[in-house]
Amino acid sequence: MVTNVTSFGRSGLSDFVLQRVTAVILALYTLCVVGYFLTAGELSHQALVGFFGGTAMKVFSTMAIFATVAHAWIGLWTIGTDYIRPHYFGGVATTARFIYQAVCIVMLFIYTVWALQIFWSL
């Protein structure tokens, strides 16, 4: 009998809910950006800086960045735990999975800092 289905303590349910919420945020962000491109008259550098440089768009972009990172981490973690296991890698599976996850974390951190620097320097 499962007793902690609704707890958000690193369960499959929390991953499922987080991926769905981040997917909605990313879909709304995509619709916003595509809508701007479709309705904007002339797309110049100045117009894009004006659009992405507004406080509301900076906050929305920051939400999209964090949503992308959370969404990607769950997917990458799932791939690592599903495919880097002793059945395929033998005795070095735990070490290989640790290295894979460490590289993923470092890369996601670098991409996050880079994206935040780009959006908040406008």
PDB file of N, CA and C in Angstrom:
ATOM      1  N   MET A   1       0.836  -1.178   0.000  1.00  0.00           N
ATOM      2  CA  MET A   1       0.000   0.000   0.000  1.00  0.00           C
ATOM      3  C   MET A   1       0.883   1.245   0.000  1.00  0.00           C
ATOM      4  N   VAL A   2       0.593   2.169  -0.879  1.00  0.00           N
ATOM      5  CA  VAL A   2       1.346   3.412  -0.975  1.00  0.00           C
ATOM      6  C   VAL A   2       0.699   4.439  -0.060  1.00  0.00           C
ATOM      7  N   THR A   3       1.503   5.031   0.816  1.00  0.00           N
ATOM      8  CA  THR A   3       0.933   5.978   1.770  1.00  0.00           C
ATOM      9  C   THR A   3       1.349   7.417   1.513  1.00  0.00           C
ATOM     10  N   ASN A   4       2.427   7.635   0.776  1.00  0.00           N
ATOM     11  CA  ASN A   4       2.910   8.998   0.593  1.00  0.00           C
ATOM     12  C   ASN A   4       2.829   9.440  -0.866  1.00  0.00           C
ATOM     13  N   VAL A   5       1.735   9.148  -1.531  1.00  0.00           N
ATOM     14  CA  VAL A   5       1.598   9.478  -2.947  1.00  0.00           C
ATOM     15  C   VAL A   5       1.595  10.982  -3.163  1.00  0.00           C
ATOM     16  N   THR A   6       1.021  11.731  -2.254  1.00  0.00           N
ATOM     17  CA  THR A   6       0.913  13.176  -2.466  1.00  0.00           C
ATOM     18  C   THR A   6       2.037  13.961  -1.824  1.00  0.00           C
ATOM     19  N   SER A   7       3.017  13.326  -1.248  1.00  0.00           N
ATOM     20  CA  SER A   7       4.123  14.076  -0.648  1.00  0.00           C
ATOM     21  C   SER A   7       5.075  14.534  -1.738  1.00  0.00           C
ATOM     22  N   PHE A   8       5.637  15.708  -1.556  1.00  0.00           N
ATOM     23  CA  PHE A   8       6.577  16.243  -2.535  1.00  0.00           C
ATOM     24  C   PHE A   8       8.011  16.044  -2.059  1.00  0.00           C
ATOM     25  N   GLY A   9       8.337  14.866  -1.608  1.00  0.00           N
ATOM     26  CA  GLY A   9       9.670  14.556  -1.125  1.00  0.00           C
ATOM     27  C   GLY A   9      10.408  13.653  -2.084  1.00  0.00           C
ATOM     28  N   ARG A  10      10.756  14.151  -3.233  1.00  0.00           N
ATOM     29  CA  ARG A  10      11.508  13.424  -4.261  1.00  0.00           C
ATOM     30  C   ARG A  10      10.783  12.146  -4.674  1.00  0.00           C
ATOM     31  N   SER A  11       9.544  12.317  -5.021  1.00  0.00           N
ATOM     32  CA  SER A  11       8.760  11.184  -5.488  1.00  0.00           C
ATOM     33  C   SER A  11       8.494  11.336  -6.978  1.00  0.00           C
ATOM     34  N   GLY A  12       7.985  10.284  -7.578  1.00  0.00           N
ATOM     35  CA  GLY A  12       7.629  10.363  -8.986  1.00  0.00           C
ATOM     36  C   GLY A  12       6.518  11.358  -9.233  1.00  0.00           C
ATOM     37  N   LEU A  13       5.618  11.503  -8.269  1.00  0.00           N
ATOM     38  CA  LEU A  13       4.521  12.454  -8.423  1.00  0.00           C
ATOM     39  C   LEU A  13       5.040  13.887  -8.473  1.00  0.00           C
ATOM     40  N   SER A  14       5.989  14.211  -7.609  1.00  0.00           N
ATOM     41  CA  SER A  14       6.519  15.577  -7.624  1.00  0.00           C
ATOM     42  C   SER A  14       7.232  15.872  -8.939  1.00  0.00           C
ATOM     43  N   ASP A  15       7.961  14.901  -9.465  1.00  0.00           N
ATOM     44  CA  ASP A  15       8.615  15.084 -10.762  1.00  0.00           C
ATOM     45  C   ASP A  15       7.578  15.274 -11.864  1.00  0.00           C
ATOM     46  N   PHE A  16       6.520  14.466 -11.827  1.00  0.00           N
ATOM     47  CA  PHE A  16       5.452  14.555 -12.821  1.00  0.00           C
ATOM     48  C   PHE A  16       4.793  15.936 -12.785  1.00  0.00           C
ATOM     49  N   VAL A  17       4.433  16.386 -11.587  1.00  0.00           N
ATOM     50  CA  VAL A  17       3.765  17.682 -11.443  1.00  0.00           C
ATOM     51  C   VAL A  17       4.704  18.809 -11.865  1.00  0.00           C
ATOM     52  N   LEU A  18       5.953  18.752 -11.434  1.00  0.00           N
ATOM     53  CA  LEU A  18       6.913  19.804 -11.783  1.00  0.00           C
ATOM     54  C   LEU A  18       7.136  19.862 -13.289  1.00  0.00           C
ATOM     55  N   GLN A  19       7.219  18.719 -13.954  1.00  0.00           N
ATOM     56  CA  GLN A  19       7.400  18.752 -15.408  1.00  0.00           C
ATOM     57  C   GLN A  19       6.180  19.331 -16.098  1.00  0.00           C
ATOM     58  N   ARG A  20       4.989  19.043 -15.602  1.00  0.00           N
ATOM     59  CA  ARG A  20       3.780  19.595 -16.227  1.00  0.00           C
ATOM     60  C   ARG A  20       3.691  21.099 -16.003  1.00  0.00           C
ATOM     61  N   VAL A  21       4.017  21.566 -14.806  1.00  0.00           N
ATOM     62  CA  VAL A  21       3.978  23.006 -14.523  1.00  0.00           C
ATOM     63  C   VAL A  21       5.021  23.743 -15.359  1.00  0.00           C
ATOM     64  N   THR A  22       6.227  23.199 -15.433  1.00  0.00           N
ATOM     65  CA  THR A  22       7.261  23.865 -16.228  1.00  0.00           C
ATOM     66  C   THR A  22       6.909  23.838 -17.702  1.00  0.00           C
ATOM     67  N   ALA A  23       6.266  22.779 -18.161  1.00  0.00           N
ATOM     68  CA  ALA A  23       5.843  22.716 -19.564  1.00  0.00           C
ATOM     69  C   ALA A  23       4.810  23.801 -19.869  1.00  0.00           C
ATOM     70  N   VAL A  24       3.906  24.053 -18.942  1.00  0.00           N
ATOM     71  CA  VAL A  24       2.908  25.119 -19.132  1.00  0.00           C
ATOM     72  C   VAL A  24       3.592  26.484 -19.177  1.00  0.00           C
ATOM     73  N   ILE A  25       4.531  26.721 -18.274  1.00  0.00           N
ATOM     74  CA  ILE A  25       5.268  27.997 -18.271  1.00  0.00           C
ATOM     75  C   ILE A  25       6.005  28.178 -19.595  1.00  0.00           C
ATOM     76  N   LEU A  26       6.664  27.138 -20.065  1.00  0.00           N
ATOM     77  CA  LEU A  26       7.409  27.236 -21.324  1.00  0.00           C
ATOM     78  C   LEU A  26       6.479  27.422 -22.518  1.00  0.00           C
ATOM     79  N   ALA A  27       5.317  26.791 -22.483  1.00  0.00           N
ATOM     80  CA  ALA A  27       4.349  26.967 -23.572  1.00  0.00           C
ATOM     81  C   ALA A  27       3.833  28.405 -23.595  1.00  0.00           C
ATOM     82  N   LEU A  28       3.519  28.962 -22.428  1.00  0.00           N
ATOM     83  CA  LEU A  28       3.050  30.354 -22.369  1.00  0.00           C
ATOM     84  C   LEU A  28       4.137  31.321 -22.833  1.00  0.00           C
ATOM     85  N   TYR A  29       5.364  31.056 -22.427  1.00  0.00           N
ATOM     86  CA  TYR A  29       6.479  31.911 -22.852  1.00  0.00           C
ATOM     87  C   TYR A  29       6.653  31.843 -24.370  1.00  0.00           C
ATOM     88  N   THR A  30       6.576  30.642 -24.927  1.00  0.00           N
ATOM     89  CA  THR A  30       6.696  30.475 -26.374  1.00  0.00           C
ATOM     90  C   THR A  30       5.589  31.217 -27.100  1.00  0.00           C
ATOM     91  N   LEU A  31       4.362  31.091 -26.615  1.00  0.00           N
ATOM     92  CA  LEU A  31       3.235  31.807 -27.229  1.00  0.00           C
ATOM     93  C   LEU A  31       3.437  33.321 -27.158  1.00  0.00           C
ATOM     94  N   CYS A  32       3.953  33.805 -26.050  1.00  0.00           N
ATOM     95  CA  CYS A  32       4.208  35.239 -25.886  1.00  0.00           C
ATOM     96  C   CYS A  32       5.248  35.725 -26.899  1.00  0.00           C
ATOM     97  N   VAL A  33       6.355  35.011 -27.013  1.00  0.00           N
ATOM     98  CA  VAL A  33       7.425  35.422 -27.924  1.00  0.00           C
ATOM     99  C   VAL A  33       6.977  35.286 -29.385  1.00  0.00           C
ATOM    100  N   VAL A  34       6.355  34.173 -29.722  1.00  0.00           N
ATOM    101  CA  VAL A  34       5.882  33.981 -31.099  1.00  0.00           C
ATOM    102  C   VAL A  34       4.808  35.017 -31.428  1.00  0.00           C
ATOM    103  N   GLY A  35       3.920  35.298 -30.470  1.00  0.00           N
ATOM    104  CA  GLY A  35       2.902  36.324 -30.676  1.00  0.00           C
ATOM    105  C   GLY A  35       3.514  37.683 -30.946  1.00  0.00           C
ATOM    106  N   TYR A  36       4.584  37.998 -30.229  1.00  0.00           N
ATOM    107  CA  TYR A  36       5.272  39.267 -30.475  1.00  0.00           C
ATOM    108  C   TYR A  36       5.858  39.302 -31.883  1.00  0.00           C
ATOM    109  N   PHE A  37       6.514  38.222 -32.275  1.00  0.00           N
ATOM    110  CA  PHE A  37       7.118  38.183 -33.606  1.00  0.00           C
ATOM    111  C   PHE A  37       6.073  38.301 -34.714  1.00  0.00           C
ATOM    112  N   LEU A  38       4.918  37.713 -34.488  1.00  0.00           N
ATOM    113  CA  LEU A  38       3.868  37.753 -35.511  1.00  0.00           C
ATOM    114  C   LEU A  38       3.163  39.108 -35.586  1.00  0.00           C
ATOM    115  N   THR A  39       3.092  39.811 -34.456  1.00  0.00           N
ATOM    116  CA  THR A  39       2.352  41.076 -34.439  1.00  0.00           C
ATOM    117  C   THR A  39       3.240  42.306 -34.550  1.00  0.00           C
ATOM    118  N   ALA A  40       4.524  42.166 -34.293  1.00  0.00           N
ATOM    119  CA  ALA A  40       5.428  43.319 -34.375  1.00  0.00           C
ATOM    120  C   ALA A  40       5.628  43.693 -35.837  1.00  0.00           C
ATOM    121  N   GLY A  41       5.669  44.965 -36.069  1.00  0.00           N
ATOM    122  CA  GLY A  41       5.889  45.420 -37.440  1.00  0.00           C
ATOM    123  C   GLY A  41       7.291  45.098 -37.909  1.00  0.00           C
ATOM    124  N   GLU A  42       8.193  45.971 -37.593  1.00  0.00           N
ATOM    125  CA  GLU A  42       9.587  45.799 -38.014  1.00  0.00           C
ATOM    126  C   GLU A  42      10.385  45.202 -36.861  1.00  0.00           C
ATOM    127  N   LEU A  43      11.100  44.132 -37.131  1.00  0.00           N
ATOM    128  CA  LEU A  43      11.921  43.496 -36.105  1.00  0.00           C
ATOM    129  C   LEU A  43      13.355  43.987 -36.232  1.00  0.00           C
ATOM    130  N   SER A  44      13.680  44.934 -35.414  1.00  0.00           N
ATOM    131  CA  SER A  44      15.041  45.452 -35.383  1.00  0.00           C
ATOM    132  C   SER A  44      15.658  45.108 -34.029  1.00  0.00           C
ATOM    133  N   HIS A  45      16.933  45.329 -33.940  1.00  0.00           N
ATOM    134  CA  HIS A  45      17.624  45.077 -32.674  1.00  0.00           C
ATOM    135  C   HIS A  45      17.033  45.952 -31.574  1.00  0.00           C
ATOM    136  N   GLN A  46      16.778  47.192 -31.895  1.00  0.00           N
ATOM    137  CA  GLN A  46      16.217  48.118 -30.911  1.00  0.00           C
ATOM    138  C   GLN A  46      14.831  47.660 -30.443  1.00  0.00           C
ATOM    139  N   ALA A  47      14.004  47.160 -31.364  1.00  0.00           N
ATOM    140  CA  ALA A  47      12.674  46.679 -30.991  1.00  0.00           C
ATOM    141  C   ALA A  47      12.765  45.448 -30.091  1.00  0.00           C
ATOM    142  N   LEU A  48      13.672  44.540 -30.404  1.00  0.00           N
ATOM    143  CA  LEU A  48      13.830  43.344 -29.585  1.00  0.00           C
ATOM    144  C   LEU A  48      14.367  43.668 -28.198  1.00  0.00           C
ATOM    145  N   VAL A  49      15.317  44.604 -28.129  1.00  0.00           N
ATOM    146  CA  VAL A  49      15.835  45.026 -26.829  1.00  0.00           C
ATOM    147  C   VAL A  49      14.722  45.685 -26.018  1.00  0.00           C
ATOM    148  N   GLY A  50      13.885  46.471 -26.686  1.00  0.00           N
ATOM    149  CA  GLY A  50      12.761  47.085 -25.997  1.00  0.00           C
ATOM    150  C   GLY A  50      11.775  46.057 -25.466  1.00  0.00           C
ATOM    151  N   PHE A  51      11.508  45.033 -26.260  1.00  0.00           N
ATOM    152  CA  PHE A  51      10.573  43.982 -25.845  1.00  0.00           C
ATOM    153  C   PHE A  51      11.143  43.144 -24.706  1.00  0.00           C
ATOM    154  N   PHE A  52      12.342  42.610 -24.891  1.00  0.00           N
ATOM    155  CA  PHE A  52      12.931  41.743 -23.873  1.00  0.00           C
ATOM    156  C   PHE A  52      13.533  42.525 -22.707  1.00  0.00           C
ATOM    157  N   GLY A  53      13.707  43.839 -22.855  1.00  0.00           N
ATOM    158  CA  GLY A  53      14.304  44.645 -21.796  1.00  0.00           C
ATOM    159  C   GLY A  53      13.323  45.157 -20.769  1.00  0.00           C
ATOM    160  N   GLY A  54      12.032  45.013 -21.032  1.00  0.00           N
ATOM    161  CA  GLY A  54      11.032  45.436 -20.060  1.00  0.00           C
ATOM    162  C   GLY A  54      11.054  44.541 -18.832  1.00  0.00           C
ATOM    163  N   THR A  55      10.694  45.117 -17.690  1.00  0.00           N
ATOM    164  CA  THR A  55      10.761  44.365 -16.438  1.00  0.00           C
ATOM    165  C   THR A  55       9.862  43.121 -16.473  1.00  0.00           C
ATOM    166  N   ALA A  56       8.660  43.267 -16.997  1.00  0.00           N
ATOM    167  CA  ALA A  56       7.750  42.116 -17.038  1.00  0.00           C
ATOM    168  C   ALA A  56       8.336  40.991 -17.882  1.00  0.00           C
ATOM    169  N   MET A  57       8.918  41.340 -19.019  1.00  0.00           N
ATOM    170  CA  MET A  57       9.491  40.303 -19.880  1.00  0.00           C
ATOM    171  C   MET A  57      10.752  39.709 -19.257  1.00  0.00           C
ATOM    172  N   LYS A  58      11.515  40.514 -18.531  1.00  0.00           N
ATOM    173  CA  LYS A  58      12.690  39.975 -17.843  1.00  0.00           C
ATOM    174  C   LYS A  58      12.271  38.953 -16.784  1.00  0.00           C
ATOM    175  N   VAL A  59      11.228  39.274 -16.042  1.00  0.00           N
ATOM    176  CA  VAL A  59      10.734  38.346 -15.014  1.00  0.00           C
ATOM    177  C   VAL A  59      10.182  37.084 -15.668  1.00  0.00           C
ATOM    178  N   PHE A  60       9.407  37.247 -16.748  1.00  0.00           N
ATOM    179  CA  PHE A  60       8.856  36.096 -17.459  1.00  0.00           C
ATOM    180  C   PHE A  60       9.978  35.251 -18.061  1.00  0.00           C
ATOM    181  N   SER A  61      11.006  35.888 -18.599  1.00  0.00           N
ATOM    182  CA  SER A  61      12.158  35.164 -19.146  1.00  0.00           C
ATOM    183  C   SER A  61      12.903  34.411 -18.049  1.00  0.00           C
ATOM    184  N   THR A  62      13.018  35.020 -16.879  1.00  0.00           N
ATOM    185  CA  THR A  62      13.667  34.353 -15.749  1.00  0.00           C
ATOM    186  C   THR A  62      12.868  33.120 -15.332  1.00  0.00           C
ATOM    187  N   MET A  63      11.542  33.263 -15.295  1.00  0.00           N
ATOM    188  CA  MET A  63      10.699  32.105 -14.994  1.00  0.00           C
ATOM    189  C   MET A  63      10.905  31.008 -16.030  1.00  0.00           C
ATOM    190  N   ALA A  64      11.003  31.401 -17.288  1.00  0.00           N
ATOM    191  CA  ALA A  64      11.201  30.426 -18.364  1.00  0.00           C
ATOM    192  C   ALA A  64      12.565  29.744 -18.245  1.00  0.00           C
ATOM    193  N   ILE A  65      13.574  30.492 -17.853  1.00  0.00           N
ATOM    194  CA  ILE A  65      14.905  29.912 -17.669  1.00  0.00           C
ATOM    195  C   ILE A  65      14.869  28.862 -16.570  1.00  0.00           C
ATOM    196  N   PHE A  66      14.300  29.211 -15.412  1.00  0.00           N
ATOM    197  CA  PHE A  66      14.231  28.263 -14.306  1.00  0.00           C
ATOM    198  C   PHE A  66      13.338  27.071 -14.648  1.00  0.00           C
ATOM    199  N   ALA A  67      12.276  27.319 -15.394  1.00  0.00           N
ATOM    200  CA  ALA A  67      11.403  26.221 -15.820  1.00  0.00           C
ATOM    201  C   ALA A  67      12.158  25.276 -16.751  1.00  0.00           C
ATOM    202  N   THR A  68      12.949  25.842 -17.652  1.00  0.00           N
ATOM    203  CA  THR A  68      13.740  25.017 -18.570  1.00  0.00           C
ATOM    204  C   THR A  68      14.740  24.165 -17.800  1.00  0.00           C
ATOM    205  N   VAL A  69      15.400  24.768 -16.829  1.00  0.00           N
ATOM    206  CA  VAL A  69      16.402  24.038 -16.047  1.00  0.00           C
ATOM    207  C   VAL A  69      15.739  22.919 -15.246  1.00  0.00           C
ATOM    208  N   ALA A  70      14.619  23.203 -14.593  1.00  0.00           N
ATOM    209  CA  ALA A  70      13.935  22.174 -13.811  1.00  0.00           C
ATOM    210  C   ALA A  70      13.443  21.053 -14.724  1.00  0.00           C
ATOM    211  N   HIS A  71      12.872  21.420 -15.848  1.00  0.00           N
ATOM    212  CA  HIS A  71      12.362  20.447 -16.808  1.00  0.00           C
ATOM    213  C   HIS A  71      13.510  19.577 -17.344  1.00  0.00           C
ATOM    214  N   ALA A  72      14.603  20.222 -17.687  1.00  0.00           N
ATOM    215  CA  ALA A  72      15.759  19.489 -18.218  1.00  0.00           C
ATOM    216  C   ALA A  72      16.366  18.583 -17.159  1.00  0.00           C
ATOM    217  N   TRP A  73      16.467  19.059 -15.922  1.00  0.00           N
ATOM    218  CA  TRP A  73      17.083  18.239 -14.883  1.00  0.00           C
ATOM    219  C   TRP A  73      16.293  16.949 -14.659  1.00  0.00           C
ATOM    220  N   ILE A  74      14.974  17.056 -14.609  1.00  0.00           N
ATOM    221  CA  ILE A  74      14.165  15.851 -14.401  1.00  0.00           C
ATOM    222  C   ILE A  74      14.375  14.874 -15.562  1.00  0.00           C
ATOM    223  N   GLY A  75      14.385  15.387 -16.777  1.00  0.00           N
ATOM    224  CA  GLY A  75      14.614  14.517 -17.931  1.00  0.00           C
ATOM    225  C   GLY A  75      15.996  13.900 -17.926  1.00  0.00           C
ATOM    226  N   LEU A  76      17.014  14.692 -17.634  1.00  0.00           N
ATOM    227  CA  LEU A  76      18.386  14.181 -17.617  1.00  0.00           C
ATOM    228  C   LEU A  76      18.595  13.185 -16.478  1.00  0.00           C
ATOM    229  N   TRP A  77      18.013  13.479 -15.319  1.00  0.00           N
ATOM    230  CA  TRP A  77      18.114  12.561 -14.179  1.00  0.00           C
ATOM    231  C   TRP A  77      17.459  11.226 -14.526  1.00  0.00           C
ATOM    232  N   THR A  78      16.304  11.286 -15.165  1.00  0.00           N
ATOM    233  CA  THR A  78      15.600  10.067 -15.546  1.00  0.00           C
ATOM    234  C   THR A  78      16.417   9.252 -16.539  1.00  0.00           C
ATOM    235  N   ILE A  79      17.003   9.920 -17.518  1.00  0.00           N
ATOM    236  CA  ILE A  79      17.850   9.216 -18.489  1.00  0.00           C
ATOM    237  C   ILE A  79      19.036   8.562 -17.790  1.00  0.00           C
ATOM    238  N   GLY A  80      19.668   9.306 -16.896  1.00  0.00           N
ATOM    239  CA  GLY A  80      20.820   8.759 -16.183  1.00  0.00           C
ATOM    240  C   GLY A  80      20.478   7.549 -15.337  1.00  0.00           C
ATOM    241  N   THR A  81      19.368   7.616 -14.621  1.00  0.00           N
ATOM    242  CA  THR A  81      19.014   6.493 -13.760  1.00  0.00           C
ATOM    243  C   THR A  81      18.437   5.319 -14.541  1.00  0.00           C
ATOM    244  N   ASP A  82      17.852   5.584 -15.699  1.00  0.00           N
ATOM    245  CA  ASP A  82      17.299   4.495 -16.513  1.00  0.00           C
ATOM    246  C   ASP A  82      18.359   3.764 -17.330  1.00  0.00           C
ATOM    247  N   TYR A  83      19.347   4.487 -17.818  1.00  0.00           N
ATOM    248  CA  TYR A  83      20.275   3.891 -18.776  1.00  0.00           C
ATOM    249  C   TYR A  83      21.697   3.700 -18.266  1.00  0.00           C
ATOM    250  N   ILE A  84      22.080   4.371 -17.211  1.00  0.00           N
ATOM    251  CA  ILE A  84      23.427   4.170 -16.666  1.00  0.00           C
ATOM    252  C   ILE A  84      23.269   3.301 -15.422  1.00  0.00           C
ATOM    253  N   ARG A  85      23.228   2.025 -15.644  1.00  0.00           N
ATOM    254  CA  ARG A  85      23.013   1.060 -14.565  1.00  0.00           C
ATOM    255  C   ARG A  85      23.886  -0.164 -14.800  1.00  0.00           C
ATOM    256  N   PRO A  86      24.023  -0.995 -13.778  1.00  0.00           N
ATOM    257  CA  PRO A  86      24.937  -2.145 -13.878  1.00  0.00           C
ATOM    258  C   PRO A  86      24.650  -3.082 -15.049  1.00  0.00           C
ATOM    259  N   HIS A  87      23.421  -3.153 -15.470  1.00  0.00           N
ATOM    260  CA  HIS A  87      23.081  -4.029 -16.598  1.00  0.00           C
ATOM    261  C   HIS A  87      23.882  -3.647 -17.852  1.00  0.00           C
ATOM    262  N   TYR A  88      24.091  -2.349 -18.028  1.00  0.00           N
ATOM    263  CA  TYR A  88      24.815  -1.868 -19.219  1.00  0.00           C
ATOM    264  C   TYR A  88      26.282  -1.549 -18.934  1.00  0.00           C
ATOM    265  N   PHE A  89      26.586  -1.048 -17.732  1.00  0.00           N
ATOM    266  CA  PHE A  89      27.923  -0.538 -17.441  1.00  0.00           C
ATOM    267  C   PHE A  89      28.725  -1.393 -16.470  1.00  0.00           C
ATOM    268  N   GLY A  90      28.115  -2.417 -15.938  1.00  0.00           N
ATOM    269  CA  GLY A  90      28.834  -3.274 -14.995  1.00  0.00           C
ATOM    270  C   GLY A  90      29.080  -2.566 -13.678  1.00  0.00           C
ATOM    271  N   GLY A  91      30.244  -2.843 -13.100  1.00  0.00           N
ATOM    272  CA  GLY A  91      30.581  -2.329 -11.780  1.00  0.00           C
ATOM    273  C   GLY A  91      30.841  -0.836 -11.706  1.00  0.00           C
ATOM    274  N   VAL A  92      31.053  -0.200 -12.832  1.00  0.00           N
ATOM    275  CA  VAL A  92      31.339   1.232 -12.817  1.00  0.00           C
ATOM    276  C   VAL A  92      30.083   2.071 -13.025  1.00  0.00           C
ATOM    277  N   ALA A  93      28.916   1.455 -12.967  1.00  0.00           N
ATOM    278  CA  ALA A  93      27.660   2.171 -13.253  1.00  0.00           C
ATOM    279  C   ALA A  93      27.427   3.317 -12.277  1.00  0.00           C
ATOM    280  N   THR A  94      27.655   3.088 -10.996  1.00  0.00           N
ATOM    281  CA  THR A  94      27.418   4.141 -10.005  1.00  0.00           C
ATOM    282  C   THR A  94      28.361   5.314 -10.229  1.00  0.00           C
ATOM    283  N   THR A  95      29.612   5.027 -10.487  1.00  0.00           N
ATOM    284  CA  THR A  95      30.579   6.091 -10.755  1.00  0.00           C
ATOM    285  C   THR A  95      30.228   6.827 -12.045  1.00  0.00           C
ATOM    286  N   ALA A  96      29.879   6.101 -13.074  1.00  0.00           N
ATOM    287  CA  ALA A  96      29.515   6.727 -14.352  1.00  0.00           C
ATOM    288  C   ALA A  96      28.271   7.595 -14.200  1.00  0.00           C
ATOM    289  N   ARG A  97      27.280   7.101 -13.439  1.00  0.00           N
ATOM    290  CA  ARG A  97      26.060   7.875 -13.219  1.00  0.00           C
ATOM    291  C   ARG A  97      26.362   9.141 -12.412  1.00  0.00           C
ATOM    292  N   PHE A  98      27.230   9.032 -11.414  1.00  0.00           N
ATOM    293  CA  PHE A  98      27.616  10.199 -10.628  1.00  0.00           C
ATOM    294  C   PHE A  98      28.308  11.248 -11.504  1.00  0.00           C
ATOM    295  N   ILE A  99      29.233  10.803 -12.330  1.00  0.00           N
ATOM    296  CA  ILE A  99      29.939  11.733 -13.228  1.00  0.00           C
ATOM    297  C   ILE A  99      28.954  12.376 -14.205  1.00  0.00           C
ATOM    298  N   TYR A 100      28.071  11.567 -14.791  1.00  0.00           N
ATOM    299  CA  TYR A 100      27.051  12.083 -15.717  1.00  0.00           C
ATOM    300  C   TYR A 100      26.195  13.142 -15.032  1.00  0.00           C
ATOM    301  N   GLN A 101      25.697  12.849 -13.826  1.00  0.00           N
ATOM    302  CA  GLN A 101      24.837  13.798 -13.138  1.00  0.00           C
ATOM    303  C   GLN A 101      25.607  15.048 -12.714  1.00  0.00           C
ATOM    304  N   ALA A 102      26.853  14.888 -12.317  1.00  0.00           N
ATOM    305  CA  ALA A 102      27.667  16.051 -11.951  1.00  0.00           C
ATOM    306  C   ALA A 102      27.893  16.955 -13.154  1.00  0.00           C
ATOM    307  N   VAL A 103      28.196  16.361 -14.300  1.00  0.00           N
ATOM    308  CA  VAL A 103      28.374  17.151 -15.529  1.00  0.00           C
ATOM    309  C   VAL A 103      27.073  17.859 -15.897  1.00  0.00           C
ATOM    310  N   CYS A 104      25.950  17.169 -15.782  1.00  0.00           N
ATOM    311  CA  CYS A 104      24.650  17.783 -16.078  1.00  0.00           C
ATOM    312  C   CYS A 104      24.383  18.969 -15.165  1.00  0.00           C
ATOM    313  N   ILE A 105      24.649  18.819 -13.875  1.00  0.00           N
ATOM    314  CA  ILE A 105      24.418  19.900 -12.920  1.00  0.00           C
ATOM    315  C   ILE A 105      25.304  21.099 -13.242  1.00  0.00           C
ATOM    316  N   VAL A 106      26.565  20.846 -13.507  1.00  0.00           N
ATOM    317  CA  VAL A 106      27.488  21.947 -13.824  1.00  0.00           C
ATOM    318  C   VAL A 106      27.045  22.667 -15.093  1.00  0.00           C
ATOM    319  N   MET A 107      26.684  21.914 -16.122  1.00  0.00           N
ATOM    320  CA  MET A 107      26.262  22.529 -17.385  1.00  0.00           C
ATOM    321  C   MET A 107      24.957  23.321 -17.209  1.00  0.00           C
ATOM    322  N   LEU A 108      23.993  22.774 -16.488  1.00  0.00           N
ATOM    323  CA  LEU A 108      22.745  23.501 -16.252  1.00  0.00           C
ATOM    324  C   LEU A 108      22.997  24.776 -15.450  1.00  0.00           C
ATOM    325  N   PHE A 109      23.910  24.718 -14.494  1.00  0.00           N
ATOM    326  CA  PHE A 109      24.257  25.915 -13.729  1.00  0.00           C
ATOM    327  C   PHE A 109      24.900  26.967 -14.631  1.00  0.00           C
ATOM    328  N   ILE A 110      25.837  26.547 -15.465  1.00  0.00           N
ATOM    329  CA  ILE A 110      26.501  27.495 -16.382  1.00  0.00           C
ATOM    330  C   ILE A 110      25.487  28.122 -17.325  1.00  0.00           C
ATOM    331  N   TYR A 111      24.602  27.303 -17.907  1.00  0.00           N
ATOM    332  CA  TYR A 111      23.593  27.834 -18.827  1.00  0.00           C
ATOM    333  C   TYR A 111      22.636  28.780 -18.113  1.00  0.00           C
ATOM    334  N   THR A 112      22.293  28.482 -16.879  1.00  0.00           N
ATOM    335  CA  THR A 112      21.394  29.355 -16.117  1.00  0.00           C
ATOM    336  C   THR A 112      22.039  30.710 -15.866  1.00  0.00           C
ATOM    337  N   VAL A 113      23.261  30.709 -15.382  1.00  0.00           N
ATOM    338  CA  VAL A 113      23.962  31.970 -15.108  1.00  0.00           C
ATOM    339  C   VAL A 113      24.131  32.772 -16.391  1.00  0.00           C
ATOM    340  N   TRP A 114      24.478  32.104 -17.460  1.00  0.00           N
ATOM    341  CA  TRP A 114      24.678  32.754 -18.751  1.00  0.00           C
ATOM    342  C   TRP A 114      23.377  33.395 -19.232  1.00  0.00           C
ATOM    343  N   ALA A 115      22.285  32.658 -19.188  1.00  0.00           N
ATOM    344  CA  ALA A 115      20.992  33.188 -19.641  1.00  0.00           C
ATOM    345  C   ALA A 115      20.533  34.348 -18.770  1.00  0.00           C
ATOM    346  N   LEU A 116      20.692  34.235 -17.456  1.00  0.00           N
ATOM    347  CA  LEU A 116      20.307  35.340 -16.571  1.00  0.00           C
ATOM    348  C   LEU A 116      21.145  36.579 -16.841  1.00  0.00           C
ATOM    349  N   GLN A 117      22.423  36.365 -17.095  1.00  0.00           N
ATOM    350  CA  GLN A 117      23.301  37.493 -17.406  1.00  0.00           C
ATOM    351  C   GLN A 117      22.843  38.179 -18.701  1.00  0.00           C
ATOM    352  N   ILE A 118      22.470  37.415 -19.691  1.00  0.00           N
ATOM    353  CA  ILE A 118      22.012  37.983 -20.966  1.00  0.00           C
ATOM    354  C   ILE A 118      20.739  38.787 -20.764  1.00  0.00           C
ATOM    355  N   PHE A 119      19.727  38.191 -20.117  1.00  0.00           N
ATOM    356  CA  PHE A 119      18.439  38.864 -19.983  1.00  0.00           C
ATOM    357  C   PHE A 119      18.502  40.068 -19.047  1.00  0.00           C
ATOM    358  N   TRP A 120      19.251  39.980 -17.978  1.00  0.00           N
ATOM    359  CA  TRP A 120      19.254  41.086 -17.020  1.00  0.00           C
ATOM    360  C   TRP A 120      20.278  42.160 -17.361  1.00  0.00           C
ATOM    361  N   SER A 121      21.072  41.975 -18.408  1.00  0.00           N
ATOM    362  CA  SER A 121      21.996  43.035 -18.824  1.00  0.00           C
ATOM    363  C   SER A 121      21.400  43.914 -19.918  1.00  0.00           C
ATOM    364  N   LEU A 122      20.192  43.591 -20.371  1.00  0.00           N
ATOM    365  CA  LEU A 122      19.535  44.402 -21.420  1.00  0.00           C
ATOM    366  C   LEU A 122      19.167  45.766 -20.872  1.00  0.00           C
TER     367      LEU A 122
END
